Amino acid sequence: METFRNPVLPGFYPDPSICRVGEDYYMVTSSFEYFPGVPIFHSKDLVHWRQLGHVLDRPSQLDLDETPSSKGIYAATIRHHNGIFYMITTFVVSATGARRNFYVTAENPTGPWSDPHWLPDAPGIDPSLFFDEDGKAYVMANRMPPEGQQYPKHMEIWLQELDLEHHRLVGPKYSLWDGALKQIHAQEGPHLYKINGYYYLLIAEGGTGFTHSVTIARSESITGPYENCKMNPILTHRHLGRGYPITNVGHADIVETENGEWWMVCLASRPYGGDFRNLGRETFLVPFRWESGWPVVNPGKGIVELELPRPNLPEHRWPSEPVCDHFESSKLGLQWNFIRTPRGEYWSLTERPGYLRLKLKPERMTECANPSFVGRRQQHMNFAMRTVMEFKPRRQGETAGAVLLQNQDYQFRMEHAYTEARTVIRLVERKAGEERLLAERPVDASRLYLKVEAVGQAYHFYYGTEAEVWHTLAENADGTILSTDVAGGFIGAYIGLFASSEGQASEAYADFDWFEYREI
């Protein structure tokens, strides 16, 4: 029996949503304060995925200025109807939780996608779309029940018709369901399907942490009443304990293959080194089948596993991605992101061909801003990152190097800096907004090699002035500060390159010759 390994999207790829078009599968995930927003993936076999791009890849689609960490773009839904792709999501615009729902469309999943169609009278988060057999379209999301909350974080799922021609909600709002798990809280992430004459409403409950779960209800009418599945929750891991290797399972979407199999994508995390989740919430795949009109997930086991039998689809692998980016293209690879919408021409792949140039910006890595930063997700518990940088700081405050980032208050910065009339390489740990110098070495070189190796929660930092001659900067730094369990929020750890002039104007820049990331 052939098997596959979970997660199918490792690292910070939460809140998956999936749709099938013929023999092709498309999936999107949330992206929070990172730009471009909403990565989109393509698969032929549900196991091997390649990134096609991002749905929100233009500033006109996504203005993340001053968006706090773990706000921004929440869970997205992707659907296909009458030759058009639809993506609907929530933009949480401020620390107070103010939010706006919108959708975009495209004829091709690679884009271009339209500018947002805002739905000002669509409350809540995690909106989804449903296209009924009679041609009507509907939006659903969560909200506080109109009659009031019966307990803290008590929510319900609402439904309203969508006028696709005029991009607006029409008609009454219907209250569909407030979940199966009373007193559990956070009914969210709804998806609606019509299968064998029933409307099935799949939601997440219990919050996106350890008590996360998937529940389902059904009705013969789209507006209800909805019958609660007596087997709810149909998927959760909270009963397995915090020592189980896969935790906080929930927020699912389902798809039927062309061969009649049913599969579920969901988010979950792999804690390591204790109850710490540096990789954030990842995307997992699990089978289910219908019994007596209800889904039974992974029959005989009822849980998500790290290894499962493969879908009954021809295996389709994509060309492997290189472990080293030599910055020889005129465009950044799809794995790279900025923090918030990039403002100003502070990076370039063409000013010095073969190098990524980052110009020093006054914005710091410790601010809720758009710093001079380009980064990618940490996707493995054990990894090695290497890069080489050409940069010579000339005055106090000019810094550039590598950063391991959870958010602006939790990070490691391995930076080349000017201090006390000399240049140094130093390692700074930032925890809860307080900085601590872990190591500092004098170095007089304009070309520096930087390396980070992580084995579990032990992070090791090295530098050199010539290739493959490494000097220890610091070893066994505590990597748990890069986990949401310490830092809070909803995102996973990033690894990136940065350049800052720390509040002052500067004409300086740092050139990075290549960047390598690989599992070890």
Protein backbone atom coordinates (compact mmCIF):
# COMPACT_ATOMS: atom_id res chain seq x y z
CA MET A 1 0.00 0.00 0.00
CA GLU A 2 1.42 3.35 -1.04
CA THR A 3 1.36 6.09 1.57
CA PHE A 4 1.99 9.82 1.85
CA ARG A 5 3.37 12.01 4.61
CA ASN A 6 1.55 14.81 6.40
CA PRO A 7 1.54 17.76 6.39
CA VAL A 8 1.05 18.26 2.67
CA LEU A 9 1.90 21.96 3.13
CA PRO A 10 4.48 22.18 5.92
CA GLY A 11 5.05 25.41 7.79
CA PHE A 12 2.83 28.43 8.22
CA TYR A 13 -0.02 27.58 5.81
CA PRO A 14 -3.19 27.68 7.94
CA ASP A 15 -6.93 27.65 7.22
CA PRO A 16 -6.82 25.63 3.99
CA SER A 17 -9.66 25.75 1.48
CA ILE A 18 -9.85 23.51 -1.56
CA CYS A 19 -11.81 23.09 -4.78
CA ARG A 20 -11.63 20.72 -7.75
CA VAL A 21 -11.95 21.63 -11.41
CA GLY A 22 -11.96 18.43 -13.47
CA GLU A 23 -8.78 16.61 -12.53
CA ASP A 24 -7.11 19.67 -11.02
CA TYR A 25 -7.18 20.72 -7.38
CA TYR A 26 -6.61 24.23 -6.08
CA MET A 27 -5.99 25.31 -2.52
CA VAL A 28 -5.52 28.62 -0.70
CA THR A 29 -4.43 29.47 2.84
CA SER A 30 -4.46 32.57 5.01
CA SER A 31 -1.50 34.96 5.11
CA PHE A 32 -2.16 37.59 7.84
CA GLU A 33 0.22 40.59 7.67
CA TYR A 34 2.47 39.16 4.94
CA PHE A 35 2.47 40.35 1.33
CA PRO A 36 1.63 39.10 -1.26
CA GLY A 37 -1.50 37.66 0.32
CA VAL A 38 -3.28 34.31 0.04
CA PRO A 39 -0.87 31.83 -1.55
CA ILE A 40 -2.58 29.58 -4.09
CA PHE A 41 -1.50 26.01 -4.87
CA HIS A 42 -2.23 23.42 -7.55
CA SER A 43 -2.22 19.63 -7.34
CA LYS A 44 -3.18 16.63 -9.47
CA ASP A 45 -3.06 14.03 -6.69
CA LEU A 46 -3.87 15.94 -3.45
CA VAL A 47 -0.42 15.07 -2.07
CA HIS A 48 2.05 17.03 -4.18
CA TRP A 49 1.37 20.75 -4.41
CA ARG A 50 3.08 23.51 -6.35
CA GLN A 51 2.53 27.18 -5.68
CA LEU A 52 0.99 29.06 -8.59
CA GLY A 53 1.35 32.50 -7.04
CA HIS A 54 -0.70 34.68 -4.71
CA VAL A 55 -4.28 35.80 -5.11
CA LEU A 56 -3.61 39.25 -3.63
CA ASP A 57 -0.39 40.36 -5.29
CA ARG A 58 -0.99 44.08 -5.93
CA PRO A 59 -1.16 46.98 -3.46
CA SER A 60 -4.53 47.91 -4.99
CA GLN A 61 -5.85 44.59 -3.71
CA LEU A 62 -4.17 44.59 -0.32
CA ASP A 63 -3.18 47.63 1.75
CA LEU A 64 -1.55 46.24 4.90
CA ASP A 65 -0.14 49.55 6.16
CA GLU A 66 0.03 49.56 9.98
CA THR A 67 -1.72 46.18 10.18
CA PRO A 68 -0.70 44.58 13.49
CA SER A 69 0.96 41.19 13.63
CA SER A 70 -1.51 38.29 13.34
CA LYS A 71 -4.11 40.61 11.81
CA GLY A 72 -4.58 41.19 8.09
CA ILE A 73 -5.85 38.37 5.87
CA TYR A 74 -7.68 35.65 7.78
CA ALA A 75 -9.14 32.41 6.46
CA ALA A 76 -9.94 32.37 2.75
CA THR A 77 -12.30 30.18 0.71
CA ILE A 78 -11.72 29.22 -2.93
CA ARG A 79 -14.53 28.08 -5.19
CA HIS A 80 -15.06 27.62 -8.96
CA HIS A 81 -18.37 28.34 -10.69
CA ASN A 82 -19.28 28.69 -14.38
CA GLY A 83 -15.67 29.09 -15.46
CA ILE A 84 -14.79 31.68 -12.81
CA PHE A 85 -12.62 31.25 -9.71
CA TYR A 86 -13.75 33.03 -6.55
CA MET A 87 -11.75 33.75 -3.40
CA ILE A 88 -13.45 35.30 -0.39
CA THR A 89 -11.76 36.30 2.86
CA THR A 90 -11.64 38.64 5.84
CA PHE A 91 -9.27 41.58 6.22
CA VAL A 92 -8.81 42.35 9.93
CA VAL A 93 -7.56 45.91 9.69
CA SER A 94 -6.59 46.88 13.23
CA ALA A 95 -5.65 45.73 16.70
CA THR A 96 -9.22 46.43 17.84
CA GLY A 97 -10.43 43.69 15.51
CA ALA A 98 -12.23 45.90 12.99
CA ARG A 99 -12.80 43.70 9.97
CA ARG A 100 -14.01 43.83 6.38
CA ASN A 101 -15.06 40.96 4.13
CA PHE A 102 -14.47 40.91 0.37
CA TYR A 103 -14.07 38.61 -2.59
CA VAL A 104 -12.06 38.62 -5.81
CA THR A 105 -12.45 36.70 -9.07
CA ALA A 106 -10.29 35.34 -11.87
CA GLU A 107 -10.70 33.27 -15.01
CA ASN A 108 -7.35 31.61 -14.39
CA PRO A 109 -6.07 30.62 -10.92
CA THR A 110 -2.68 32.09 -11.78
CA GLY A 111 -4.38 35.47 -12.17
CA PRO A 112 -4.78 38.25 -12.67
CA TRP A 113 -7.37 38.37 -9.90
CA SER A 114 -9.76 41.31 -9.69
CA ASP A 115 -9.59 44.14 -7.19
CA PRO A 116 -11.71 43.47 -4.10
CA HIS A 117 -15.47 43.49 -4.13
CA TRP A 118 -16.19 44.68 -0.60
CA LEU A 119 -19.24 43.43 1.30
CA PRO A 120 -19.82 46.14 3.92
CA ASP A 121 -22.86 44.41 5.43
CA ALA A 122 -21.12 41.04 5.86
CA PRO A 123 -20.16 40.69 9.54
CA GLY A 124 -17.78 38.27 11.18
CA ILE A 125 -14.79 36.33 9.90
CA ASP A 126 -14.00 33.34 7.68
CA PRO A 127 -16.57 33.98 4.94
CA SER A 128 -17.36 31.25 2.45
CA LEU A 129 -19.24 30.99 -0.84
CA PHE A 130 -21.83 28.48 -1.99
CA PHE A 131 -23.35 28.16 -5.47
CA ASP A 132 -26.65 26.33 -5.45
CA GLU A 133 -28.16 24.23 -8.24
CA ASP A 134 -30.76 26.91 -8.98
CA GLY A 135 -28.03 29.40 -9.90
CA LYS A 136 -28.17 31.40 -6.71
CA ALA A 137 -24.99 32.30 -4.86
CA TYR A 138 -24.66 32.68 -1.10
CA VAL A 139 -22.18 34.05 1.42
CA MET A 140 -21.84 32.76 4.95
CA ALA A 141 -19.62 33.70 7.89
CA ASN A 142 -19.95 33.95 11.65
CA ARG A 143 -21.41 36.64 13.90
CA MET A 144 -22.66 37.17 17.41
CA PRO A 145 -26.22 35.80 17.64
CA PRO A 146 -28.79 38.62 17.23
CA GLU A 147 -30.47 37.57 20.47
CA GLY A 148 -27.15 37.89 22.33
CA GLN A 149 -24.34 35.60 23.39
CA GLN A 150 -25.23 32.84 25.83
CA TYR A 151 -21.61 32.43 26.91
CA PRO A 152 -18.24 34.07 26.10
CA LYS A 153 -17.25 33.89 22.42
CA HIS A 154 -20.58 32.30 21.52
CA MET A 155 -21.06 32.76 17.76
CA GLU A 156 -23.42 31.58 15.05
CA ILE A 157 -23.22 31.04 11.30
CA TRP A 158 -25.30 33.32 9.07
CA LEU A 159 -26.23 33.00 5.39
CA GLN A 160 -27.31 35.59 2.81
CA GLU A 161 -27.78 35.61 -0.95
CA LEU A 162 -25.07 37.27 -3.07
CA ASP A 163 -25.91 39.28 -6.17
CA LEU A 164 -22.95 38.39 -8.40
CA GLU A 165 -23.75 41.03 -11.00
CA HIS A 166 -23.73 43.93 -8.55
CA HIS A 167 -21.36 42.38 -5.98
CA ARG A 168 -23.65 42.89 -3.02
CA LEU A 169 -25.65 40.92 -0.49
CA VAL A 170 -29.40 40.89 -1.03
CA GLY A 171 -32.40 39.63 0.87
CA PRO A 172 -32.57 38.56 4.53
CA LYS A 173 -29.79 37.17 6.67
CA TYR A 174 -30.56 33.71 7.99
CA SER A 175 -29.22 32.26 11.22
CA LEU A 176 -28.15 28.72 10.34
CA TRP A 177 -26.43 27.11 13.32
CA ASP A 178 -24.50 27.97 16.45
CA GLY A 179 -22.55 24.75 16.62
CA ALA A 180 -22.68 21.40 18.36
CA LEU A 181 -20.32 21.98 21.27
CA LYS A 182 -22.10 24.28 23.69
CA GLN A 183 -19.87 26.42 25.89
CA ILE A 184 -16.91 25.53 23.63
CA HIS A 185 -16.89 28.91 21.78
CA ALA A 186 -15.66 30.32 18.46
CA GLN A 187 -18.03 28.85 15.89
CA GLU A 188 -16.28 29.86 12.65
CA GLY A 189 -14.81 28.69 9.35
CA PRO A 190 -18.11 27.64 7.73
CA HIS A 191 -18.40 25.78 4.43
CA LEU A 192 -21.62 24.66 2.78
CA TYR A 193 -22.06 21.73 0.37
CA LYS A 194 -25.04 20.00 -1.26
CA ILE A 195 -24.66 16.23 -1.31
CA ASN A 196 -27.35 13.63 -2.02
CA GLY A 197 -30.18 16.07 -1.41
CA TYR A 198 -28.84 17.52 1.86
CA TYR A 199 -27.14 20.81 2.59
CA TYR A 200 -24.16 20.09 4.83
CA LEU A 201 -22.70 22.86 6.98
CA LEU A 202 -19.13 22.17 8.10
CA ILE A 203 -17.62 24.51 10.70
CA ALA A 204 -14.75 24.88 13.17
CA GLU A 205 -15.36 25.15 16.91
CA GLY A 206 -13.32 25.52 20.05
CA GLY A 207 -10.83 28.12 18.84
CA THR A 208 -7.74 27.47 16.77
CA GLY A 209 -5.66 26.11 19.67
CA PHE A 210 -5.60 22.82 21.54
CA THR A 211 -9.43 22.51 21.75
CA HIS A 212 -9.94 23.03 18.02
CA SER A 213 -12.40 20.72 16.27
CA VAL A 214 -14.54 20.11 13.18
CA THR A 215 -18.32 19.76 13.47
CA ILE A 216 -21.12 19.28 10.95
CA ALA A 217 -24.87 19.68 10.55
CA ARG A 218 -27.32 19.13 7.69
CA SER A 219 -30.68 20.29 6.39
CA GLU A 220 -32.99 19.60 3.47
CA SER A 221 -33.40 23.39 3.11
CA ILE A 222 -30.50 25.79 2.67
CA THR A 223 -31.92 28.11 5.30
CA GLY A 224 -32.46 25.34 7.83
CA PRO A 225 -33.27 24.13 10.36
CA TYR A 226 -29.96 22.25 10.58
CA GLU A 227 -29.73 18.86 12.23
CA ASN A 228 -26.71 18.33 14.46
CA CYS A 229 -24.61 15.24 13.71
CA LYS A 230 -24.72 13.04 16.80
CA MET A 231 -21.09 12.01 16.18
CA ASN A 232 -19.81 15.58 16.58
CA PRO A 233 -17.08 16.55 16.66
CA ILE A 234 -16.27 14.52 13.59
CA LEU A 235 -12.59 15.45 13.96
CA THR A 236 -10.51 16.72 16.87
CA HIS A 237 -7.27 15.82 18.65
CA ARG A 238 -7.95 17.46 22.00
CA HIS A 239 -8.68 14.07 23.58
CA LEU A 240 -5.23 12.77 22.61
CA GLY A 241 -3.34 15.01 25.04
CA ARG A 242 -0.67 17.60 24.48
CA GLY A 243 2.03 14.99 23.93
CA TYR A 244 0.53 13.75 20.68
CA PRO A 245 2.65 14.79 17.65
CA ILE A 246 -0.29 16.50 15.87
CA THR A 247 -2.39 19.02 17.80
CA ASN A 248 -5.07 21.74 17.41
CA VAL A 249 -6.73 19.98 14.47
CA GLY A 250 -9.62 21.86 12.89
CA HIS A 251 -10.81 24.36 10.28
CA ALA A 252 -11.52 21.93 7.44
CA ASP A 253 -12.76 21.89 3.86
CA ILE A 254 -13.72 18.81 1.83
CA VAL A 255 -13.46 17.66 -1.77
CA GLU A 256 -14.59 14.66 -3.82
CA THR A 257 -12.07 13.26 -6.27
CA GLU A 258 -12.89 12.32 -9.84
CA ASN A 259 -12.71 8.71 -8.63
CA GLY A 260 -15.41 9.21 -6.01
CA GLU A 261 -13.18 9.36 -2.92
CA TRP A 262 -13.71 12.03 -0.27
CA TRP A 263 -10.86 13.89 1.34
CA MET A 264 -10.58 16.62 3.94
CA VAL A 265 -7.92 19.30 4.25
CA CYS A 266 -7.53 20.85 7.68
CA LEU A 267 -5.10 22.83 9.76
CA ALA A 268 -3.05 21.33 12.58
CA SER A 269 0.31 21.86 14.26
CA ARG A 270 3.33 19.75 15.10
CA PRO A 271 4.69 20.87 18.48
CA TYR A 272 8.28 20.01 19.33
CA GLY A 273 10.68 20.59 22.19
CA GLY A 274 7.63 20.69 24.43
CA ASP A 275 4.31 22.32 23.66
CA PHE A 276 5.85 24.80 21.20
CA ARG A 277 4.75 25.33 17.61
CA ASN A 278 7.39 27.31 15.75
CA LEU A 279 6.04 26.06 12.42
CA GLY A 280 2.65 27.55 13.13
CA ARG A 281 -0.52 25.96 11.80
CA GLU A 282 0.06 23.72 8.79
CA THR A 283 -2.12 22.00 6.17
CA PHE A 284 -2.92 18.30 6.57
CA LEU A 285 -4.85 15.82 4.44
CA VAL A 286 -7.10 13.05 5.78
CA PRO A 287 -9.65 10.70 4.11
CA PHE A 288 -13.25 10.21 5.08
CA ARG A 289 -16.25 8.27 3.88
CA TRP A 290 -20.00 8.68 4.17
CA GLU A 291 -21.92 6.37 6.51
CA SER A 292 -25.66 6.79 7.09
CA GLY A 293 -25.49 10.25 5.60
CA TRP A 294 -22.64 11.54 7.76
CA PRO A 295 -18.85 11.73 7.27
CA VAL A 296 -16.58 9.35 9.18
CA VAL A 297 -13.03 10.74 9.17
CA ASN A 298 -10.18 8.22 8.75
CA PRO A 299 -12.44 5.23 9.50
CA GLY A 300 -11.23 2.98 12.29
CA LYS A 301 -9.00 5.67 13.75
CA GLY A 302 -10.79 9.00 13.59
CA ILE A 303 -7.64 11.12 13.72
CA VAL A 304 -5.11 12.76 11.42
CA GLU A 305 -1.89 10.76 11.06
CA LEU A 306 1.58 11.63 9.90
CA GLU A 307 1.43 8.77 7.38
CA LEU A 308 -1.71 7.69 5.54
CA PRO A 309 -2.65 5.65 2.46
CA ARG A 310 -2.45 7.71 -0.71
CA PRO A 311 -5.53 8.92 -2.59
CA ASN A 312 -6.62 6.72 -5.48
CA LEU A 313 -5.19 9.15 -8.00
CA PRO A 314 -2.19 8.87 -10.33
CA GLU A 315 0.88 10.19 -8.55
CA HIS A 316 1.87 13.56 -9.96
CA ARG A 317 5.09 15.10 -8.70
CA TRP A 318 6.17 18.60 -9.66
CA PRO A 319 9.78 19.57 -10.37
CA SER A 320 11.57 20.01 -7.06
CA GLU A 321 12.30 23.51 -5.84
CA PRO A 322 15.99 24.43 -5.51
CA VAL A 323 17.33 24.64 -1.96
CA CYS A 324 19.41 27.67 -2.95
CA ASP A 325 18.11 30.88 -4.50
CA HIS A 326 20.92 32.56 -6.45
CA PHE A 327 18.78 35.62 -7.19
CA GLU A 328 19.43 35.29 -10.91
CA SER A 329 15.81 35.90 -11.93
CA SER A 330 14.24 39.30 -12.45
CA LYS A 331 11.44 38.30 -10.04
CA LEU A 332 11.49 36.99 -6.51
CA GLY A 333 10.54 33.35 -6.07
CA LEU A 334 7.04 32.60 -4.86
CA GLN A 335 8.35 31.48 -1.46
CA TRP A 336 9.39 35.03 -0.56
CA ASN A 337 7.22 37.54 1.29
CA PHE A 338 7.35 41.07 2.63
CA ILE A 339 6.02 42.27 5.97
CA ARG A 340 2.98 44.34 5.05
CA THR A 341 2.53 45.98 1.67
CA PRO A 342 5.93 47.04 0.31
CA ARG A 343 6.29 50.81 0.10
CA GLY A 344 9.13 52.39 -1.81
CA GLU A 345 11.72 50.79 -4.08
CA TYR A 346 13.85 49.30 -1.34
CA TRP A 347 14.71 45.97 -2.95
CA SER A 348 16.02 45.04 -6.37
CA LEU A 349 17.18 42.01 -8.35
CA THR A 350 18.33 44.11 -11.30
CA GLU A 351 20.50 46.89 -9.88
CA ARG A 352 23.18 44.28 -9.38
CA PRO A 353 22.27 41.21 -11.40
CA GLY A 354 22.73 37.96 -9.49
CA TYR A 355 22.18 39.65 -6.13
CA LEU A 356 19.24 40.64 -4.00
CA ARG A 357 19.83 44.26 -3.01
CA LEU A 358 18.11 45.52 0.13
CA LYS A 359 18.34 49.24 0.71
CA LEU A 360 18.48 50.41 4.30
CA LYS A 361 15.17 51.87 5.41
CA PRO A 362 14.56 53.86 8.60
CA GLU A 363 11.96 51.29 9.64
CA ARG A 364 13.17 48.73 12.17
CA MET A 365 12.39 45.03 12.43
CA THR A 366 10.95 45.86 15.85
CA GLU A 367 8.22 48.16 14.54
CA CYS A 368 4.72 47.62 13.19
CA ALA A 369 5.85 48.89 9.81
CA ASN A 370 7.12 47.82 6.40
CA PRO A 371 10.84 47.25 7.03
CA SER A 372 13.40 46.41 4.40
CA PHE A 373 12.83 42.65 4.75
CA VAL A 374 12.38 39.66 2.49
CA GLY A 375 11.62 36.33 4.15
CA ARG A 376 10.27 32.82 3.80
CA ARG A 377 8.57 30.36 6.12
CA GLN A 378 10.39 28.01 8.45
CA GLN A 379 9.05 24.63 7.31
CA HIS A 380 11.08 22.06 9.25
CA MET A 381 11.92 21.35 12.87
CA ASN A 382 15.56 20.81 11.90
CA PHE A 383 16.90 23.12 9.23
CA ALA A 384 19.97 24.96 7.99
CA MET A 385 19.98 28.44 6.47
CA ARG A 386 23.01 30.02 4.82
CA THR A 387 23.57 33.26 2.98
CA VAL A 388 26.40 35.58 2.00
CA MET A 389 26.08 39.33 2.31
CA GLU A 390 28.14 42.25 1.06
CA PHE A 391 27.62 45.19 3.38
CA LYS A 392 29.84 47.59 5.28
CA PRO A 393 28.10 49.65 8.01
CA ARG A 394 29.51 53.16 8.13
CA ARG A 395 27.78 54.67 11.14
CA GLN A 396 25.80 53.86 14.23
CA GLY A 397 22.40 52.42 13.45
CA GLU A 398 23.21 50.89 10.07
CA THR A 399 22.55 47.15 10.27
CA ALA A 400 21.86 44.28 7.90
CA GLY A 401 21.82 40.52 8.13
CA ALA A 402 19.53 37.59 8.81
CA VAL A 403 16.48 37.51 11.05
CA LEU A 404 14.43 34.68 12.52
CA LEU A 405 11.06 36.22 13.10
CA GLN A 406 7.86 35.47 14.95
CA ASN A 407 6.79 39.11 15.15
CA GLN A 408 8.24 42.53 15.95
CA ASP A 409 8.60 41.64 19.65
CA TYR A 410 9.94 38.08 19.32
CA GLN A 411 12.94 37.46 17.07
CA PHE A 412 16.63 36.70 16.63
CA ARG A 413 18.71 39.11 14.55
CA MET A 414 22.18 38.13 13.34
CA GLU A 415 23.38 41.50 12.12
CA HIS A 416 26.45 43.29 10.85
CA ALA A 417 26.54 46.63 12.66
CA TYR A 418 28.70 49.61 13.53
CA THR A 419 29.30 50.20 17.20
CA GLU A 420 31.93 52.09 19.20
CA ALA A 421 34.03 52.96 16.16
CA ARG A 422 34.22 49.35 14.95
CA THR A 423 32.14 46.91 12.96
CA VAL A 424 30.80 43.78 14.59
CA ILE A 425 28.69 40.73 13.92
CA ARG A 426 26.23 40.26 16.75
CA LEU A 427 23.27 38.15 17.77
CA VAL A 428 20.34 39.91 19.39
CA GLU A 429 17.47 38.09 21.06
CA ARG A 430 14.23 40.06 21.33
CA LYS A 431 11.65 38.62 23.71
CA ALA A 432 8.46 40.38 24.79
CA GLY A 433 9.88 43.59 23.35
CA GLU A 434 13.04 43.44 25.46
CA GLU A 435 16.41 42.96 23.75
CA ARG A 436 19.37 40.96 24.98
CA LEU A 437 22.78 40.75 23.33
CA LEU A 438 23.64 37.06 23.14
CA ALA A 439 26.98 37.41 21.36
CA GLU A 440 29.17 39.96 19.61
CA ARG A 441 32.41 39.60 17.68
CA PRO A 442 34.53 42.24 15.96
CA VAL A 443 34.73 41.67 12.25
CA ASP A 444 36.38 43.76 9.56
CA ALA A 445 35.04 42.45 6.28
CA SER A 446 32.58 43.67 3.70
CA ARG A 447 31.59 40.13 2.62
CA LEU A 448 30.11 38.01 5.38
CA TYR A 449 28.82 34.46 5.35
CA LEU A 450 25.96 33.79 7.77
CA LYS A 451 24.57 30.44 8.86
CA VAL A 452 21.80 29.28 11.18
CA GLU A 453 21.24 25.66 12.11
CA ALA A 454 18.30 24.56 14.22
CA VAL A 455 17.99 21.13 15.80
CA GLY A 456 14.64 21.18 17.49
CA GLN A 457 14.49 24.21 19.76
CA ALA A 458 18.30 24.63 19.86
CA TYR A 459 19.30 27.34 17.39
CA HIS A 460 22.98 27.74 16.45
CA PHE A 461 24.49 30.79 14.75
CA TYR A 462 27.75 30.95 12.76
CA TYR A 463 29.58 33.47 10.60
CA GLY A 464 32.61 33.56 8.34
CA THR A 465 34.64 35.87 6.11
CA GLU A 466 35.40 33.18 3.56
CA ALA A 467 33.38 30.32 2.15
CA GLU A 468 32.93 27.27 4.40
CA VAL A 469 35.19 28.59 7.16
CA TRP A 470 32.75 29.02 10.02
CA HIS A 471 33.17 30.65 13.41
CA THR A 472 30.72 30.16 16.22
CA LEU A 473 28.72 33.21 17.17
CA ALA A 474 26.34 31.49 19.59
CA GLU A 475 24.96 28.01 20.13
CA ASN A 476 21.91 26.58 21.85
CA ALA A 477 19.84 29.74 21.74
CA ASP A 478 16.31 28.98 22.94
CA GLY A 479 14.13 28.86 19.84
CA THR A 480 10.84 28.68 21.72
CA ILE A 481 10.53 32.47 21.47
CA LEU A 482 9.64 31.83 17.81
CA SER A 483 6.54 29.85 18.75
CA THR A 484 3.03 31.20 19.04
CA ASP A 485 2.84 29.53 22.44
CA VAL A 486 5.35 32.09 23.74
CA ALA A 487 4.75 35.03 21.41
CA GLY A 488 1.00 34.70 20.96
CA GLY A 489 -0.82 35.29 17.70
CA PHE A 490 -1.63 32.99 14.81
CA ILE A 491 1.42 32.94 12.54
CA GLY A 492 4.45 30.70 12.15
CA ALA A 493 8.13 31.57 12.18
CA TYR A 494 9.85 33.25 9.22
CA ILE A 495 13.50 33.29 8.18
CA GLY A 496 14.63 36.31 6.24
CA LEU A 497 17.05 39.01 5.24
CA PHE A 498 16.84 42.61 6.37
CA ALA A 499 18.56 46.01 6.25
CA SER A 500 17.79 48.97 8.50
CA SER A 501 19.13 52.45 9.22
CA GLU A 502 17.14 52.53 12.48
CA GLY A 503 15.19 55.73 12.16
CA GLN A 504 17.57 57.77 10.04
CA ALA A 505 17.94 58.34 6.33
CA SER A 506 20.64 56.33 4.59
CA GLU A 507 21.89 55.70 1.07
CA ALA A 508 23.48 52.40 2.09
CA TYR A 509 22.40 48.97 0.93
CA ALA A 510 23.22 45.31 1.48
CA ASP A 511 23.72 42.85 -1.39
CA PHE A 512 22.91 39.17 -0.85
CA ASP A 513 24.56 36.83 -3.34
CA TRP A 514 22.46 33.76 -2.53
CA PHE A 515 20.20 32.24 0.11
CA GLU A 516 20.03 28.56 0.97
CA TYR A 517 17.41 26.82 3.11
CA ARG A 518 17.19 23.07 3.60
CA GLU A 519 16.02 20.44 6.02
CA ILE A 520 18.74 18.69 8.04
